Amino acid sequence: MNNLSMKRLFFFIFILYMAISSCNAQIFHKNVSRKAEKGLFGKSPGNKKEVRINEHGAVLSAKKKQEANDRKLKKDYAKSVKKSQKRTIDIQTPEVQARMKQNKKNTEANNKTKKKKFHSGTRKAGKKYD
């Protein structure tokens, strides 16, 4: 009796499995092959559309005005820094001014050598991996 019920249960599961697998076979996945092609070959060239956002004229003019203002502020800041540096040197005694100028020259020379050394080092590293 137990053997007969086991056979019936196995037969029922087998029939159910066949019905489910045949139902799954009927589902048509239309994009599966297209996704595989995209994975292999990338996107098609026709799909590279650039999105353009049209902004209102007032918005564009405000952005331009803000950019112009930022440029002006940067320029003014650079001027004020230069003026401050010049004033700092001008208020010193002549001996201190000479020492400051010499220090500035030494610093520029050191920076130049460091920059040269760095660029020559990166060129060698770049050649190493070519």
N, C-alpha and C. Protein backbone atom coordinates (compact mmCIF):
# COMPACT_ATOMS: atom_id res chain seq x y z
N MET A 1 0.82 -1.19 0.00
CA MET A 1 0.00 0.00 0.00
C MET A 1 0.87 1.26 0.00
N ASN A 2 1.88 1.23 0.84
CA ASN A 2 2.79 2.36 0.93
C ASN A 2 3.52 2.54 -0.40
N ASN A 3 3.89 1.43 -1.03
CA ASN A 3 4.59 1.47 -2.30
C ASN A 3 3.71 2.07 -3.40
N LEU A 4 2.44 1.73 -3.40
CA LEU A 4 1.51 2.24 -4.39
C LEU A 4 1.29 3.75 -4.23
N SER A 5 1.15 4.23 -3.01
CA SER A 5 0.97 5.67 -2.79
C SER A 5 2.24 6.44 -3.16
N MET A 6 3.40 5.83 -2.95
CA MET A 6 4.65 6.46 -3.32
C MET A 6 4.75 6.59 -4.83
N LYS A 7 4.31 5.56 -5.57
CA LYS A 7 4.33 5.61 -7.03
C LYS A 7 3.38 6.69 -7.54
N ARG A 8 2.21 6.79 -6.94
CA ARG A 8 1.25 7.81 -7.33
C ARG A 8 1.80 9.22 -7.08
N LEU A 9 2.42 9.40 -5.93
CA LEU A 9 3.01 10.70 -5.60
C LEU A 9 4.12 11.06 -6.59
N PHE A 10 4.98 10.11 -6.91
CA PHE A 10 6.04 10.35 -7.87
C PHE A 10 5.46 10.67 -9.25
N PHE A 11 4.45 9.92 -9.66
CA PHE A 11 3.80 10.16 -10.96
C PHE A 11 3.15 11.55 -10.99
N PHE A 12 2.51 11.95 -9.90
CA PHE A 12 1.87 13.27 -9.82
C PHE A 12 2.93 14.40 -9.93
N ILE A 13 4.05 14.25 -9.22
CA ILE A 13 5.12 15.26 -9.28
C ILE A 13 5.71 15.31 -10.68
N PHE A 14 5.88 14.14 -11.32
CA PHE A 14 6.42 14.10 -12.68
C PHE A 14 5.50 14.82 -13.67
N ILE A 15 4.20 14.57 -13.57
CA ILE A 15 3.22 15.22 -14.45
C ILE A 15 3.23 16.73 -14.20
N LEU A 16 3.27 17.13 -12.95
CA LEU A 16 3.30 18.54 -12.60
C LEU A 16 4.56 19.20 -13.15
N TYR A 17 5.69 18.56 -13.04
CA TYR A 17 6.96 19.11 -13.55
C TYR A 17 6.90 19.27 -15.07
N MET A 18 6.36 18.29 -15.76
CA MET A 18 6.25 18.38 -17.22
C MET A 18 5.31 19.51 -17.64
N ALA A 19 4.24 19.71 -16.90
CA ALA A 19 3.29 20.78 -17.22
C ALA A 19 3.95 22.15 -17.02
N ILE A 20 4.69 22.30 -15.95
CA ILE A 20 5.34 23.57 -15.67
C ILE A 20 6.42 23.86 -16.71
N SER A 21 7.21 22.85 -17.05
CA SER A 21 8.28 23.07 -18.03
C SER A 21 7.71 23.39 -19.40
N SER A 22 6.59 22.78 -19.78
CA SER A 22 5.99 23.09 -21.08
C SER A 22 5.39 24.50 -21.06
N CYS A 23 4.87 24.94 -19.90
CA CYS A 23 4.36 26.30 -19.80
C CYS A 23 5.49 27.31 -19.91
N ASN A 24 6.61 27.02 -19.30
CA ASN A 24 7.76 27.91 -19.39
C ASN A 24 8.30 27.99 -20.80
N ALA A 25 8.17 26.92 -21.53
CA ALA A 25 8.68 26.90 -22.90
C ALA A 25 7.84 27.80 -23.80
N GLN A 26 6.60 28.06 -23.43
CA GLN A 26 5.72 28.88 -24.26
C GLN A 26 5.95 30.37 -24.08
N ILE A 27 6.60 30.78 -23.00
CA ILE A 27 6.83 32.20 -22.77
C ILE A 27 7.88 32.69 -23.75
N PHE A 28 7.57 33.76 -24.45
CA PHE A 28 8.46 34.29 -25.48
C PHE A 28 9.19 35.51 -24.93
N HIS A 29 10.47 35.36 -24.70
CA HIS A 29 11.29 36.47 -24.23
C HIS A 29 11.90 37.13 -25.45
N LYS A 30 11.33 38.24 -25.88
CA LYS A 30 11.78 38.84 -27.13
C LYS A 30 13.09 39.60 -26.99
N ASN A 31 13.48 40.00 -25.79
CA ASN A 31 14.70 40.80 -25.62
C ASN A 31 15.91 39.99 -25.18
N VAL A 32 15.75 38.70 -25.01
CA VAL A 32 16.87 37.90 -24.52
C VAL A 32 18.01 37.89 -25.53
N SER A 33 17.70 37.67 -26.80
CA SER A 33 18.77 37.63 -27.80
C SER A 33 19.37 39.02 -27.99
N ARG A 34 18.57 40.06 -27.89
CA ARG A 34 19.07 41.43 -28.05
C ARG A 34 20.01 41.78 -26.90
N LYS A 35 19.67 41.35 -25.68
CA LYS A 35 20.55 41.61 -24.54
C LYS A 35 21.88 40.89 -24.71
N ALA A 36 21.84 39.69 -25.25
CA ALA A 36 23.08 38.95 -25.48
C ALA A 36 23.94 39.68 -26.50
N GLU A 37 23.33 40.21 -27.56
CA GLU A 37 24.09 40.96 -28.56
C GLU A 37 24.70 42.22 -27.96
N LYS A 38 23.95 42.92 -27.14
CA LYS A 38 24.46 44.12 -26.50
C LYS A 38 25.65 43.78 -25.60
N GLY A 39 25.56 42.66 -24.92
CA GLY A 39 26.66 42.25 -24.07
C GLY A 39 27.92 41.96 -24.86
N LEU A 40 27.75 41.39 -26.04
CA LEU A 40 28.92 41.06 -26.86
C LEU A 40 29.46 42.26 -27.63
N PHE A 41 28.57 43.02 -28.24
CA PHE A 41 29.00 44.04 -29.18
C PHE A 41 28.77 45.47 -28.70
N GLY A 42 28.18 45.67 -27.55
CA GLY A 42 27.93 47.01 -27.05
C GLY A 42 26.67 47.58 -27.66
N LYS A 43 26.42 48.84 -27.37
CA LYS A 43 25.22 49.49 -27.88
C LYS A 43 25.38 49.82 -29.34
N SER A 44 24.26 49.87 -30.02
CA SER A 44 24.30 50.24 -31.43
C SER A 44 24.55 51.73 -31.56
N PRO A 45 25.19 52.17 -32.66
CA PRO A 45 25.53 53.60 -32.79
C PRO A 45 24.32 54.51 -32.91
N GLY A 46 23.18 53.99 -33.27
CA GLY A 46 21.99 54.82 -33.42
C GLY A 46 21.40 55.27 -32.09
N ASN A 47 21.76 54.60 -31.01
CA ASN A 47 21.16 54.92 -29.71
C ASN A 47 21.90 55.99 -28.94
N LYS A 48 22.94 56.57 -29.51
CA LYS A 48 23.73 57.57 -28.80
C LYS A 48 23.18 58.97 -29.02
N LYS A 49 21.99 59.19 -28.55
CA LYS A 49 21.37 60.51 -28.69
C LYS A 49 21.74 61.35 -27.48
N GLU A 50 22.12 62.58 -27.75
CA GLU A 50 22.48 63.49 -26.68
C GLU A 50 21.24 64.25 -26.24
N VAL A 51 20.99 64.23 -24.97
CA VAL A 51 19.82 64.90 -24.43
C VAL A 51 20.12 66.39 -24.30
N ARG A 52 19.29 67.18 -24.91
CA ARG A 52 19.45 68.63 -24.83
C ARG A 52 18.37 69.19 -23.93
N ILE A 53 18.80 70.01 -23.01
CA ILE A 53 17.86 70.63 -22.09
C ILE A 53 17.77 72.11 -22.48
N ASN A 54 16.61 72.51 -22.90
CA ASN A 54 16.40 73.91 -23.25
C ASN A 54 16.01 74.68 -22.00
N GLU A 55 16.84 75.64 -21.69
CA GLU A 55 16.56 76.44 -20.50
C GLU A 55 15.98 77.79 -20.92
N HIS A 56 15.29 78.38 -20.02
CA HIS A 56 14.68 79.66 -20.26
C HIS A 56 15.77 80.72 -20.43
N GLY A 57 15.48 81.75 -21.22
CA GLY A 57 16.46 82.80 -21.48
C GLY A 57 16.95 83.50 -20.24
N ALA A 58 16.04 83.70 -19.29
CA ALA A 58 16.43 84.36 -18.04
C ALA A 58 17.43 83.51 -17.26
N VAL A 59 17.24 82.19 -17.32
CA VAL A 59 18.15 81.29 -16.61
C VAL A 59 19.53 81.34 -17.24
N LEU A 60 19.58 81.30 -18.58
CA LEU A 60 20.86 81.36 -19.28
C LEU A 60 21.59 82.67 -19.01
N SER A 61 20.86 83.76 -19.06
CA SER A 61 21.51 85.06 -18.80
C SER A 61 22.00 85.15 -17.36
N ALA A 62 21.24 84.59 -16.43
CA ALA A 62 21.66 84.60 -15.03
C ALA A 62 22.93 83.77 -14.84
N LYS A 63 23.01 82.62 -15.54
CA LYS A 63 24.21 81.79 -15.44
C LYS A 63 25.42 82.52 -16.00
N LYS A 64 25.24 83.16 -17.15
CA LYS A 64 26.34 83.91 -17.76
C LYS A 64 26.80 85.04 -16.85
N LYS A 65 25.83 85.72 -16.27
CA LYS A 65 26.14 86.83 -15.36
C LYS A 65 26.92 86.32 -14.14
N GLN A 66 26.50 85.18 -13.61
CA GLN A 66 27.18 84.59 -12.45
C GLN A 66 28.61 84.18 -12.80
N GLU A 67 28.80 83.57 -13.99
CA GLU A 67 30.15 83.18 -14.41
C GLU A 67 31.04 84.41 -14.58
N ALA A 68 30.50 85.47 -15.17
CA ALA A 68 31.27 86.71 -15.33
C ALA A 68 31.64 87.28 -13.97
N ASN A 69 30.72 87.25 -13.04
CA ASN A 69 30.98 87.74 -11.69
C ASN A 69 32.07 86.91 -11.00
N ASP A 70 32.02 85.58 -11.17
CA ASP A 70 33.04 84.71 -10.59
C ASP A 70 34.42 85.02 -11.16
N ARG A 71 34.48 85.21 -12.50
CA ARG A 71 35.77 85.54 -13.13
C ARG A 71 36.31 86.87 -12.57
N LYS A 72 35.41 87.84 -12.41
CA LYS A 72 35.82 89.15 -11.89
C LYS A 72 36.34 89.02 -10.45
N LEU A 73 35.65 88.22 -9.64
CA LEU A 73 36.08 88.03 -8.26
C LEU A 73 37.45 87.36 -8.19
N LYS A 74 37.68 86.36 -9.04
CA LYS A 74 38.99 85.69 -9.06
C LYS A 74 40.09 86.67 -9.47
N LYS A 75 39.79 87.48 -10.47
CA LYS A 75 40.76 88.45 -10.95
C LYS A 75 41.08 89.47 -9.86
N ASP A 76 40.04 89.96 -9.19
CA ASP A 76 40.24 90.93 -8.11
C ASP A 76 41.03 90.32 -6.95
N TYR A 77 40.76 89.07 -6.65
CA TYR A 77 41.46 88.39 -5.57
C TYR A 77 42.95 88.26 -5.91
N ALA A 78 43.24 87.87 -7.16
CA ALA A 78 44.64 87.75 -7.58
C ALA A 78 45.35 89.10 -7.50
N LYS A 79 44.65 90.17 -7.90
CA LYS A 79 45.23 91.52 -7.80
C LYS A 79 45.52 91.88 -6.35
N SER A 80 44.58 91.61 -5.47
CA SER A 80 44.77 91.98 -4.07
C SER A 80 45.91 91.19 -3.44
N VAL A 81 46.06 89.92 -3.81
CA VAL A 81 47.17 89.12 -3.28
C VAL A 81 48.50 89.70 -3.74
N LYS A 82 48.57 90.03 -5.04
CA LYS A 82 49.80 90.61 -5.58
C LYS A 82 50.13 91.93 -4.89
N LYS A 83 49.10 92.75 -4.70
CA LYS A 83 49.30 94.05 -4.05
C LYS A 83 49.77 93.88 -2.61
N SER A 84 49.19 92.91 -1.92
CA SER A 84 49.57 92.64 -0.53
C SER A 84 51.01 92.15 -0.45
N GLN A 85 51.40 91.28 -1.37
CA GLN A 85 52.77 90.78 -1.37
C GLN A 85 53.76 91.92 -1.64
N LYS A 86 53.40 92.78 -2.60
CA LYS A 86 54.27 93.91 -2.92
C LYS A 86 54.40 94.84 -1.71
N ARG A 87 53.30 95.11 -1.03
CA ARG A 87 53.33 95.99 0.14
C ARG A 87 54.16 95.37 1.25
N THR A 88 54.05 94.04 1.41
CA THR A 88 54.84 93.36 2.44
C THR A 88 56.33 93.55 2.20
N ILE A 89 56.74 93.49 0.95
CA ILE A 89 58.16 93.69 0.62
C ILE A 89 58.54 95.16 0.77
N ASP A 90 57.67 96.06 0.36
CA ASP A 90 57.99 97.49 0.37
C ASP A 90 58.20 98.06 1.78
N ILE A 91 57.52 97.52 2.77
CA ILE A 91 57.63 98.09 4.11
C ILE A 91 58.87 97.61 4.86
N GLN A 92 59.62 96.68 4.27
CA GLN A 92 60.82 96.14 4.93
C GLN A 92 62.03 97.03 4.67
N THR A 93 63.06 96.81 5.49
CA THR A 93 64.32 97.52 5.28
C THR A 93 65.02 96.96 4.05
N PRO A 94 65.96 97.70 3.47
CA PRO A 94 66.62 97.22 2.26
C PRO A 94 67.33 95.88 2.41
N GLU A 95 67.94 95.62 3.59
CA GLU A 95 68.61 94.33 3.79
C GLU A 95 67.61 93.17 3.77
N VAL A 96 66.48 93.40 4.44
CA VAL A 96 65.44 92.36 4.50
C VAL A 96 64.83 92.16 3.11
N GLN A 97 64.65 93.25 2.36
CA GLN A 97 64.12 93.13 1.00
C GLN A 97 65.04 92.28 0.13
N ALA A 98 66.35 92.52 0.23
CA ALA A 98 67.31 91.74 -0.56
C ALA A 98 67.24 90.26 -0.17
N ARG A 99 67.15 90.00 1.15
CA ARG A 99 67.07 88.61 1.63
C ARG A 99 65.78 87.94 1.15
N MET A 100 64.67 88.68 1.18
CA MET A 100 63.39 88.13 0.73
C MET A 100 63.43 87.79 -0.76
N LYS A 101 64.03 88.69 -1.56
CA LYS A 101 64.14 88.43 -2.99
C LYS A 101 65.00 87.20 -3.27
N GLN A 102 66.09 87.07 -2.50
CA GLN A 102 66.98 85.91 -2.68
C GLN A 102 66.25 84.62 -2.28
N ASN A 103 65.49 84.68 -1.19
CA ASN A 103 64.72 83.50 -0.77
C ASN A 103 63.70 83.10 -1.84
N LYS A 104 63.06 84.11 -2.44
CA LYS A 104 62.08 83.84 -3.49
C LYS A 104 62.74 83.17 -4.69
N LYS A 105 63.94 83.66 -5.06
CA LYS A 105 64.67 83.05 -6.18
C LYS A 105 65.06 81.61 -5.86
N ASN A 106 65.53 81.38 -4.63
CA ASN A 106 65.91 80.02 -4.22
C ASN A 106 64.71 79.07 -4.24
N THR A 107 63.59 79.56 -3.76
CA THR A 107 62.37 78.74 -3.74
C THR A 107 61.93 78.38 -5.16
N GLU A 108 61.95 79.36 -6.06
CA GLU A 108 61.56 79.10 -7.44
C GLU A 108 62.51 78.09 -8.09
N ALA A 109 63.82 78.22 -7.81
CA ALA A 109 64.80 77.28 -8.37
C ALA A 109 64.56 75.86 -7.84
N ASN A 110 64.28 75.76 -6.52
CA ASN A 110 64.01 74.44 -5.93
C ASN A 110 62.76 73.81 -6.53
N ASN A 111 61.71 74.62 -6.67
CA ASN A 111 60.47 74.10 -7.26
C ASN A 111 60.70 73.64 -8.69
N LYS A 112 61.51 74.40 -9.43
CA LYS A 112 61.79 74.05 -10.82
C LYS A 112 62.52 72.71 -10.89
N THR A 113 63.50 72.50 -10.03
CA THR A 113 64.24 71.23 -10.05
C THR A 113 63.35 70.07 -9.62
N LYS A 114 62.50 70.30 -8.63
CA LYS A 114 61.58 69.24 -8.20
C LYS A 114 60.63 68.86 -9.32
N LYS A 115 60.10 69.87 -10.00
CA LYS A 115 59.18 69.62 -11.11
C LYS A 115 59.88 68.86 -12.23
N LYS A 116 61.11 69.27 -12.54
CA LYS A 116 61.88 68.62 -13.59
C LYS A 116 62.14 67.15 -13.21
N LYS A 117 62.51 66.93 -11.96
CA LYS A 117 62.78 65.57 -11.49
C LYS A 117 61.53 64.70 -11.55
N PHE A 118 60.40 65.28 -11.16
CA PHE A 118 59.13 64.53 -11.17
C PHE A 118 58.76 64.14 -12.59
N HIS A 119 58.85 65.10 -13.53
CA HIS A 119 58.46 64.82 -14.91
C HIS A 119 59.41 63.81 -15.56
N SER A 120 60.70 63.89 -15.26
CA SER A 120 61.62 62.91 -15.84
C SER A 120 61.34 61.53 -15.27
N GLY A 121 60.97 61.46 -14.00
CA GLY A 121 60.64 60.18 -13.38
C GLY A 121 59.39 59.56 -13.97
N THR A 122 58.40 60.36 -14.24
CA THR A 122 57.17 59.82 -14.82
C THR A 122 57.39 59.38 -16.26
N ARG A 123 58.29 60.05 -16.98
CA ARG A 123 58.58 59.62 -18.34
C ARG A 123 59.20 58.23 -18.33
N LYS A 124 60.13 58.00 -17.39
CA LYS A 124 60.76 56.69 -17.29
C LYS A 124 59.74 55.61 -16.93
N ALA A 125 58.86 55.94 -16.01
CA ALA A 125 57.83 54.97 -15.62
C ALA A 125 56.91 54.69 -16.79
N GLY A 126 56.59 55.72 -17.58
CA GLY A 126 55.73 55.52 -18.74
C GLY A 126 56.40 54.63 -19.77
N LYS A 127 57.70 54.81 -19.96
CA LYS A 127 58.42 53.97 -20.91
C LYS A 127 58.51 52.54 -20.44
N LYS A 128 58.56 52.36 -19.14
CA LYS A 128 58.69 51.02 -18.58
C LYS A 128 57.51 50.14 -18.97
N TYR A 129 56.31 50.71 -19.05
CA TYR A 129 55.11 49.92 -19.32
C TYR A 129 54.69 49.97 -20.78
N ASP A 130 55.47 50.55 -21.68
CA ASP A 130 55.12 50.58 -23.10
C ASP A 130 55.45 49.28 -23.77
